[in-house]
Amino acid sequence: ETRSITKSINVVDQDVEVFKQLNERGVRLIAQMVPSDKADDFMSLLIK
């Protein structure tokens, strides 16, 4: 089952685990549709 994070991003549980592992290794993840949009911290969106 997918979960909607933004209008354009959907994740499954396996995705969430991978994103958490990347974050723990210091990888900064952002959500940004196009360069002119504000870059949002992806992990804060993921844990909402």
PDB file of N, CA and C in Angstrom:
ATOM      1  N   GLU A   1       0.845  -1.179   0.000  1.00  0.00           N
ATOM      2  CA  GLU A   1       0.000   0.000   0.000  1.00  0.00           C
ATOM      3  C   GLU A   1       0.890   1.242   0.000  1.00  0.00           C
ATOM      4  N   THR A   2       0.547   2.194  -0.837  1.00  0.00           N
ATOM      5  CA  THR A   2       1.356   3.405  -0.916  1.00  0.00           C
ATOM      6  C   THR A   2       0.805   4.495  -0.011  1.00  0.00           C
ATOM      7  N   ARG A   3       1.711   5.384   0.354  1.00  0.00           N
ATOM      8  CA  ARG A   3       1.349   6.540   1.176  1.00  0.00           C
ATOM      9  C   ARG A   3       1.807   7.784   0.436  1.00  0.00           C
ATOM     10  N   SER A   4       0.962   8.779   0.355  1.00  0.00           N
ATOM     11  CA  SER A   4       1.282  10.013  -0.348  1.00  0.00           C
ATOM     12  C   SER A   4       2.058  10.953   0.574  1.00  0.00           C
ATOM     13  N   ILE A   5       3.231  11.394   0.095  1.00  0.00           N
ATOM     14  CA  ILE A   5       4.063  12.331   0.850  1.00  0.00           C
ATOM     15  C   ILE A   5       3.824  13.755   0.343  1.00  0.00           C
ATOM     16  N   THR A   6       3.815  13.908  -0.969  1.00  0.00           N
ATOM     17  CA  THR A   6       3.473  15.172  -1.629  1.00  0.00           C
ATOM     18  C   THR A   6       2.566  14.826  -2.799  1.00  0.00           C
ATOM     19  N   LYS A   7       2.171  15.839  -3.551  1.00  0.00           N
ATOM     20  CA  LYS A   7       1.331  15.591  -4.729  1.00  0.00           C
ATOM     21  C   LYS A   7       2.019  14.660  -5.725  1.00  0.00           C
ATOM     22  N   SER A   8       3.346  14.706  -5.753  1.00  0.00           N
ATOM     23  CA  SER A   8       4.078  13.929  -6.759  1.00  0.00           C
ATOM     24  C   SER A   8       4.913  12.784  -6.187  1.00  0.00           C
ATOM     25  N   ILE A   9       4.889  12.583  -4.873  1.00  0.00           N
ATOM     26  CA  ILE A   9       5.703  11.530  -4.251  1.00  0.00           C
ATOM     27  C   ILE A   9       4.822  10.585  -3.444  1.00  0.00           C
ATOM     28  N   ASN A  10       4.893   9.308  -3.796  1.00  0.00           N
ATOM     29  CA  ASN A  10       4.226   8.244  -3.044  1.00  0.00           C
ATOM     30  C   ASN A  10       5.283   7.221  -2.648  1.00  0.00           C
ATOM     31  N   VAL A  11       5.149   6.653  -1.462  1.00  0.00           N
ATOM     32  CA  VAL A  11       6.126   5.681  -0.981  1.00  0.00           C
ATOM     33  C   VAL A  11       5.423   4.452  -0.424  1.00  0.00           C
ATOM     34  N   VAL A  12       6.166   3.354  -0.387  1.00  0.00           N
ATOM     35  CA  VAL A  12       5.735   2.139   0.303  1.00  0.00           C
ATOM     36  C   VAL A  12       6.668   1.963   1.507  1.00  0.00           C
ATOM     37  N   ASP A  13       6.338   1.055   2.408  1.00  0.00           N
ATOM     38  CA  ASP A  13       7.123   0.862   3.630  1.00  0.00           C
ATOM     39  C   ASP A  13       8.600   0.605   3.343  1.00  0.00           C
ATOM     40  N   GLN A  14       8.890  -0.169   2.313  1.00  0.00           N
ATOM     41  CA  GLN A  14      10.286  -0.466   1.968  1.00  0.00           C
ATOM     42  C   GLN A  14      11.031   0.817   1.589  1.00  0.00           C
ATOM     43  N   ASP A  15      10.370   1.718   0.861  1.00  0.00           N
ATOM     44  CA  ASP A  15      10.980   3.006   0.507  1.00  0.00           C
ATOM     45  C   ASP A  15      11.324   3.795   1.769  1.00  0.00           C
ATOM     46  N   VAL A  16      10.393   3.832   2.706  1.00  0.00           N
ATOM     47  CA  VAL A  16      10.593   4.582   3.945  1.00  0.00           C
ATOM     48  C   VAL A  16      11.829   4.077   4.674  1.00  0.00           C
ATOM     49  N   GLU A  17      11.996   2.774   4.758  1.00  0.00           N
ATOM     50  CA  GLU A  17      13.164   2.199   5.428  1.00  0.00           C
ATOM     51  C   GLU A  17      14.459   2.600   4.729  1.00  0.00           C
ATOM     52  N   VAL A  18      14.470   2.584   3.411  1.00  0.00           N
ATOM     53  CA  VAL A  18      15.666   2.972   2.652  1.00  0.00           C
ATOM     54  C   VAL A  18      15.974   4.451   2.878  1.00  0.00           C
ATOM     55  N   PHE A  19      14.954   5.302   2.842  1.00  0.00           N
ATOM     56  CA  PHE A  19      15.163   6.735   3.084  1.00  0.00           C
ATOM     57  C   PHE A  19      15.713   6.971   4.488  1.00  0.00           C
ATOM     58  N   LYS A  20      15.230   6.230   5.479  1.00  0.00           N
ATOM     59  CA  LYS A  20      15.732   6.365   6.844  1.00  0.00           C
ATOM     60  C   LYS A  20      17.203   5.965   6.919  1.00  0.00           C
ATOM     61  N   GLN A  21      17.575   4.888   6.230  1.00  0.00           N
ATOM     62  CA  GLN A  21      18.973   4.445   6.221  1.00  0.00           C
ATOM     63  C   GLN A  21      19.871   5.489   5.568  1.00  0.00           C
ATOM     64  N   LEU A  22      19.423   6.056   4.465  1.00  0.00           N
ATOM     65  CA  LEU A  22      20.204   7.106   3.804  1.00  0.00           C
ATOM     66  C   LEU A  22      20.375   8.307   4.727  1.00  0.00           C
ATOM     67  N   ASN A  23      19.302   8.702   5.387  1.00  0.00           N
ATOM     68  CA  ASN A  23      19.348   9.837   6.302  1.00  0.00           C
ATOM     69  C   ASN A  23      20.324   9.578   7.443  1.00  0.00           C
ATOM     70  N   GLU A  24      20.321   8.362   7.983  1.00  0.00           N
ATOM     71  CA  GLU A  24      21.237   8.004   9.069  1.00  0.00           C
ATOM     72  C   GLU A  24      22.691   8.066   8.623  1.00  0.00           C
ATOM     73  N   ARG A  25      22.936   7.897   7.348  1.00  0.00           N
ATOM     74  CA  ARG A  25      24.300   7.957   6.803  1.00  0.00           C
ATOM     75  C   ARG A  25      24.692   9.374   6.393  1.00  0.00           C
ATOM     76  N   GLY A  26      23.820  10.334   6.691  1.00  0.00           N
ATOM     77  CA  GLY A  26      24.162  11.729   6.437  1.00  0.00           C
ATOM     78  C   GLY A  26      23.738  12.270   5.088  1.00  0.00           C
ATOM     79  N   VAL A  27      22.956  11.507   4.342  1.00  0.00           N
ATOM     80  CA  VAL A  27      22.481  11.973   3.036  1.00  0.00           C
ATOM     81  C   VAL A  27      21.307  12.914   3.272  1.00  0.00           C
ATOM     82  N   ARG A  28      21.400  14.135   2.751  1.00  0.00           N
ATOM     83  CA  ARG A  28      20.310  15.107   2.889  1.00  0.00           C
ATOM     84  C   ARG A  28      19.329  14.875   1.749  1.00  0.00           C
ATOM     85  N   LEU A  29      18.084  14.614   2.092  1.00  0.00           N
ATOM     86  CA  LEU A  29      17.047  14.349   1.102  1.00  0.00           C
ATOM     87  C   LEU A  29      16.088  15.525   1.051  1.00  0.00           C
ATOM     88  N   ILE A  30      15.792  15.979  -0.173  1.00  0.00           N
ATOM     89  CA  ILE A  30      14.852  17.082  -0.336  1.00  0.00           C
ATOM     90  C   ILE A  30      13.729  16.675  -1.280  1.00  0.00           C
ATOM     91  N   ALA A  31      12.610  17.367  -1.155  1.00  0.00           N
ATOM     92  CA  ALA A  31      11.485  17.208  -2.076  1.00  0.00           C
ATOM     93  C   ALA A  31      11.348  18.531  -2.814  1.00  0.00           C
ATOM     94  N   GLN A  32      11.513  18.474  -4.137  1.00  0.00           N
ATOM     95  CA  GLN A  32      11.462  19.689  -4.950  1.00  0.00           C
ATOM     96  C   GLN A  32      11.038  19.292  -6.356  1.00  0.00           C
ATOM     97  N   MET A  33       9.869  19.733  -6.770  1.00  0.00           N
ATOM     98  CA  MET A  33       9.326  19.341  -8.072  1.00  0.00           C
ATOM     99  C   MET A  33      10.140  19.933  -9.226  1.00  0.00           C
ATOM    100  N   VAL A  34      10.397  21.235  -9.168  1.00  0.00           N
ATOM    101  CA  VAL A  34      11.190  21.930 -10.190  1.00  0.00           C
ATOM    102  C   VAL A  34      12.145  22.879  -9.479  1.00  0.00           C
ATOM    103  N   PRO A  35      13.243  23.277 -10.131  1.00  0.00           N
ATOM    104  CA  PRO A  35      14.241  24.126  -9.479  1.00  0.00           C
ATOM    105  C   PRO A  35      13.693  25.427  -8.888  1.00  0.00           C
ATOM    106  N   SER A  36      12.647  25.967  -9.464  1.00  0.00           N
ATOM    107  CA  SER A  36      12.109  27.232  -8.942  1.00  0.00           C
ATOM    108  C   SER A  36      11.248  27.037  -7.689  1.00  0.00           C
ATOM    109  N   ASP A  37      10.886  25.786  -7.365  1.00  0.00           N
ATOM    110  CA  ASP A  37      10.124  25.500  -6.146  1.00  0.00           C
ATOM    111  C   ASP A  37      11.050  25.495  -4.933  1.00  0.00           C
ATOM    112  N   LYS A  38      10.468  25.765  -3.779  1.00  0.00           N
ATOM    113  CA  LYS A  38      11.213  25.679  -2.522  1.00  0.00           C
ATOM    114  C   LYS A  38      11.602  24.220  -2.275  1.00  0.00           C
ATOM    115  N   ALA A  39      12.827  24.008  -1.830  1.00  0.00           N
ATOM    116  CA  ALA A  39      13.291  22.658  -1.495  1.00  0.00           C
ATOM    117  C   ALA A  39      12.881  22.349  -0.059  1.00  0.00           C
ATOM    118  N   ASP A  40      12.005  21.364   0.119  1.00  0.00           N
ATOM    119  CA  ASP A  40      11.550  20.960   1.452  1.00  0.00           C
ATOM    120  C   ASP A  40      12.365  19.774   1.944  1.00  0.00           C
ATOM    121  N   ASP A  41      12.636  19.761   3.243  1.00  0.00           N
ATOM    122  CA  ASP A  41      13.335  18.633   3.843  1.00  0.00           C
ATOM    123  C   ASP A  41      12.446  17.395   3.740  1.00  0.00           C
ATOM    124  N   PHE A  42      12.917  16.391   3.022  1.00  0.00           N
ATOM    125  CA  PHE A  42      12.101  15.213   2.747  1.00  0.00           C
ATOM    126  C   PHE A  42      11.786  14.406   4.003  1.00  0.00           C
ATOM    127  N   MET A  43      12.746  14.286   4.901  1.00  0.00           N
ATOM    128  CA  MET A  43      12.520  13.471   6.092  1.00  0.00           C
ATOM    129  C   MET A  43      11.430  14.068   6.979  1.00  0.00           C
ATOM    130  N   SER A  44      11.348  15.392   7.053  1.00  0.00           N
ATOM    131  CA  SER A  44      10.283  15.986   7.865  1.00  0.00           C
ATOM    132  C   SER A  44       8.921  15.728   7.230  1.00  0.00           C
ATOM    133  N   LEU A  45       8.860  15.657   5.911  1.00  0.00           N
ATOM    134  CA  LEU A  45       7.610  15.320   5.229  1.00  0.00           C
ATOM    135  C   LEU A  45       7.271  13.846   5.436  1.00  0.00           C
ATOM    136  N   LEU A  46       8.294  13.019   5.440  1.00  0.00           N
ATOM    137  CA  LEU A  46       8.107  11.571   5.550  1.00  0.00           C
ATOM    138  C   LEU A  46       7.552  11.160   6.915  1.00  0.00           C
ATOM    139  N   ILE A  47       7.954  11.854   7.963  1.00  0.00           N
ATOM    140  CA  ILE A  47       7.538  11.451   9.310  1.00  0.00           C
ATOM    141  C   ILE A  47       6.243  12.109   9.768  1.00  0.00           C
ATOM    142  N   LYS A  48       5.614  12.907   8.929  1.00  0.00           N
ATOM    143  CA  LYS A  48       4.334  13.542   9.289  1.00  0.00           C
ATOM    144  C   LYS A  48       3.255  12.515   9.458  1.00  0.00           C
TER     145      LYS A  48
END
